[in-house]
Amino acid sequence: MSGTTKDGTPDRKNKVFHLTPLSFALVNLKPLLPGHVLVSPRRVVPRFSDLSHSEVVDLFLTVQRVSRMIERVYNASSLNIAVQDGVDAGQSVPHLHTHIIPRRKADLDAKGGADAIYDMLEGEEGDIGKQLNTWGTQRPNFPGVDNEDRQPRSEEVMTQEAKRLAQEMDADHTQSS
């Protein structure tokens, strides 16, 4: 997952915009919609059940705080918040992470409506497609994160977004203090 070093610790130069003692938030290399970000525990664990109680609390409080900021900054009226917990649920990277995707009314009407977000997450492409390919042609409809149609963003664009979101998180913290 982008944003971590080989040992799984957050790599600040690699698009992390918020750190807590146990979690971090980072911009997404291939966002489904503008403002699609990720929140992950600092400790590398593949599954939700591997988290300690403290990590669960910190992760979801971080998701809540980042979600509020993303909703405000991207003028969203709703959010998709998703965890793909394990390979068979579409997880393509063995480091648990939560997707936060800002949504607006009718934002995906051209693609079939609000539920099109799930089609955007789904597909044969990416790691999940390769792993599920052995299941034959009637594979379950599990979401996958990687999608060849979504082009990776440049380092510069991601760095700029991370800096802007870090400032917004700081502004939220200052206002709530």
Protein backbone atom coordinates (compact mmCIF):
# COMPACT_ATOMS: atom_id res chain seq x y z
CA MET A 1 0.00 0.00 0.00
CA SER A 2 1.29 3.41 -0.84
CA GLY A 3 2.26 5.40 2.23
CA THR A 4 4.20 2.76 4.15
CA THR A 5 7.81 1.66 4.24
CA LYS A 6 8.85 -1.99 3.84
CA ASP A 7 8.35 -2.57 7.57
CA GLY A 8 4.84 -1.09 7.36
CA THR A 9 5.48 2.15 9.18
CA PRO A 10 4.00 5.30 7.63
CA ASP A 11 6.26 6.99 5.11
CA ARG A 12 5.50 10.69 5.64
CA LYS A 13 6.99 11.74 2.32
CA ASN A 14 4.69 9.28 0.59
CA LYS A 15 1.33 11.03 0.93
CA VAL A 16 0.39 10.58 4.60
CA PHE A 17 -1.69 13.56 5.74
CA HIS A 18 -2.68 12.54 9.27
CA LEU A 19 -0.98 10.48 11.97
CA THR A 20 -2.23 9.23 15.32
CA PRO A 21 -0.39 6.98 17.77
CA LEU A 22 -1.87 3.87 16.10
CA SER A 23 -3.26 4.93 12.68
CA PHE A 24 -2.51 7.05 9.65
CA ALA A 25 -4.47 8.57 6.76
CA LEU A 26 -3.15 8.92 3.24
CA VAL A 27 -4.24 10.04 -0.18
CA ASN A 28 -5.10 7.34 -2.71
CA LEU A 29 -2.93 6.57 -5.73
CA LYS A 30 -5.99 5.65 -7.83
CA PRO A 31 -9.06 7.33 -6.30
CA LEU A 32 -12.50 6.22 -7.46
CA LEU A 33 -13.82 9.76 -6.94
CA PRO A 34 -12.11 13.00 -5.90
CA GLY A 35 -11.34 12.88 -2.18
CA HIS A 36 -11.14 9.07 -1.94
CA VAL A 37 -8.62 8.49 0.87
CA LEU A 38 -7.44 5.60 3.02
CA VAL A 39 -7.03 5.13 6.78
CA SER A 40 -4.88 2.29 8.05
CA PRO A 41 -3.42 1.03 11.32
CA ARG A 42 0.28 1.79 11.73
CA ARG A 43 0.97 -1.84 12.61
CA VAL A 44 0.79 -4.03 9.52
CA VAL A 45 -2.01 -6.54 9.96
CA PRO A 46 -3.89 -8.24 7.15
CA ARG A 47 -7.25 -8.64 8.91
CA PHE A 48 -9.56 -6.58 11.10
CA SER A 49 -9.65 -9.35 13.71
CA ASP A 50 -5.85 -9.02 14.08
CA LEU A 51 -6.19 -5.52 15.55
CA SER A 52 -5.98 -4.94 19.29
CA HIS A 53 -8.84 -3.19 21.08
CA SER A 54 -6.79 0.03 21.21
CA GLU A 55 -6.05 -0.18 17.48
CA VAL A 56 -9.74 -0.67 16.62
CA VAL A 57 -10.72 2.34 18.72
CA ASP A 58 -7.97 4.53 17.24
CA LEU A 59 -8.66 3.38 13.67
CA PHE A 60 -12.37 4.13 13.79
CA LEU A 61 -11.97 7.42 15.66
CA THR A 62 -9.48 8.38 12.94
CA VAL A 63 -11.92 7.27 10.22
CA GLN A 64 -14.61 9.41 11.86
CA ARG A 65 -12.38 12.48 12.12
CA VAL A 66 -10.98 12.15 8.58
CA SER A 67 -14.50 11.51 7.25
CA ARG A 68 -15.80 14.77 8.72
CA MET A 69 -12.96 16.68 7.10
CA ILE A 70 -13.31 14.93 3.71
CA GLU A 71 -17.06 15.55 3.67
CA ARG A 72 -16.50 19.26 4.38
CA VAL A 73 -13.55 19.79 2.00
CA TYR A 74 -15.14 17.93 -0.93
CA ASN A 75 -18.65 19.34 -0.32
CA ALA A 76 -20.04 15.83 0.04
CA SER A 77 -23.52 15.04 1.32
CA SER A 78 -22.67 11.39 2.11
CA LEU A 79 -19.74 8.98 2.33
CA ASN A 80 -18.93 5.41 1.45
CA ILE A 81 -16.76 3.90 4.19
CA ALA A 82 -15.50 0.42 3.38
CA VAL A 83 -13.10 -2.20 4.70
CA GLN A 84 -12.17 -5.13 2.50
CA ASP A 85 -11.29 -7.65 5.21
CA GLY A 86 -9.28 -10.39 3.54
CA VAL A 87 -8.43 -11.54 0.04
CA ASP A 88 -11.83 -13.11 -0.59
CA ALA A 89 -13.46 -9.76 0.22
CA GLY A 90 -11.38 -7.96 -2.39
CA GLN A 91 -8.40 -6.89 -0.29
CA SER A 92 -5.46 -6.59 -2.69
CA VAL A 93 -2.82 -5.48 -0.15
CA PRO A 94 -2.15 -7.45 3.07
CA HIS A 95 -2.36 -4.33 5.26
CA LEU A 96 -5.83 -3.57 6.54
CA HIS A 97 -7.16 -0.22 5.33
CA THR A 98 -10.44 1.68 5.30
CA HIS A 99 -11.67 3.50 2.20
CA ILE A 100 -13.39 6.86 2.67
CA ILE A 101 -15.14 8.02 -0.51
CA PRO A 102 -17.03 11.34 -0.54
CA ARG A 103 -20.37 11.26 -2.34
CA ARG A 104 -22.87 13.81 -3.68
CA LYS A 105 -26.42 13.47 -4.89
CA ALA A 106 -26.48 12.11 -8.44
CA ASP A 107 -22.66 11.96 -8.62
CA LEU A 108 -22.73 8.62 -10.42
CA ASP A 109 -25.99 8.91 -12.37
CA ALA A 110 -24.04 8.72 -15.63
CA LYS A 111 -22.64 5.36 -14.50
CA GLY A 112 -25.95 3.90 -13.31
CA GLY A 113 -26.67 5.60 -9.99
CA ALA A 114 -25.35 5.72 -6.44
CA ASP A 115 -24.68 1.97 -6.25
CA ALA A 116 -22.33 2.21 -9.25
CA ILE A 117 -19.56 2.75 -6.71
CA TYR A 118 -19.65 -0.99 -6.06
CA ASP A 119 -19.25 -1.74 -9.76
CA MET A 120 -16.33 0.69 -9.78
CA LEU A 121 -14.69 -1.32 -6.97
CA GLU A 122 -15.44 -4.66 -8.64
CA GLY A 123 -13.61 -6.35 -11.48
CA GLU A 124 -11.35 -9.02 -12.87
CA GLU A 125 -8.47 -6.56 -12.86
CA GLY A 126 -6.03 -6.20 -10.01
CA ASP A 127 -4.85 -8.77 -7.54
CA ILE A 128 -8.29 -10.03 -6.58
CA GLY A 129 -9.16 -10.97 -10.15
CA LYS A 130 -6.00 -13.05 -10.47
CA GLN A 131 -6.68 -14.85 -7.20
CA LEU A 132 -10.33 -15.50 -7.93
CA ASN A 133 -9.71 -16.60 -11.51
CA THR A 134 -9.34 -20.20 -10.37
CA TRP A 135 -12.94 -20.18 -9.16
CA GLY A 136 -14.17 -20.40 -12.74
CA THR A 137 -16.56 -18.17 -14.62
CA GLN A 138 -19.17 -17.90 -11.84
CA ARG A 139 -17.00 -16.17 -9.25
CA PRO A 140 -18.69 -14.32 -6.39
CA ASN A 141 -19.25 -10.59 -6.79
CA PHE A 142 -16.49 -9.42 -4.43
CA PRO A 143 -15.08 -5.90 -4.73
CA GLY A 144 -11.48 -5.34 -5.78
CA VAL A 145 -9.44 -2.22 -5.16
CA ASP A 146 -7.14 -2.23 -8.17
CA ASN A 147 -8.57 -1.21 -11.50
CA GLU A 148 -6.56 -0.79 -14.68
CA ASP A 149 -9.00 1.86 -15.93
CA ARG A 150 -8.03 4.14 -13.05
CA GLN A 151 -4.72 5.76 -13.82
CA PRO A 152 -2.20 6.37 -11.03
CA ARG A 153 -1.79 10.00 -10.09
CA SER A 154 1.56 11.74 -10.17
CA GLU A 155 3.69 12.08 -7.05
CA GLU A 156 3.32 15.86 -7.31
CA VAL A 157 -0.48 15.76 -7.40
CA MET A 158 -0.64 13.35 -4.48
CA THR A 159 1.85 15.38 -2.43
CA GLN A 160 -0.13 18.58 -3.03
CA GLU A 161 -3.36 16.90 -1.97
CA ALA A 162 -1.73 15.41 1.14
CA LYS A 163 -0.39 18.83 2.18
CA ARG A 164 -3.79 20.45 1.66
CA LEU A 165 -5.60 17.74 3.62
CA ALA A 166 -3.04 17.93 6.44
CA GLN A 167 -3.76 21.65 6.70
CA GLU A 168 -7.49 20.92 6.78
CA MET A 169 -7.01 18.34 9.55
CA ASP A 170 -4.99 20.90 11.52
CA ALA A 171 -7.73 23.50 10.96
CA ASP A 172 -10.38 21.05 12.23
CA HIS A 173 -8.25 20.31 15.31
CA THR A 174 -7.76 24.02 16.02
CA GLN A 175 -11.50 24.73 15.67
CA SER A 176 -12.47 21.87 17.99
CA SER A 177 -9.93 22.83 20.70
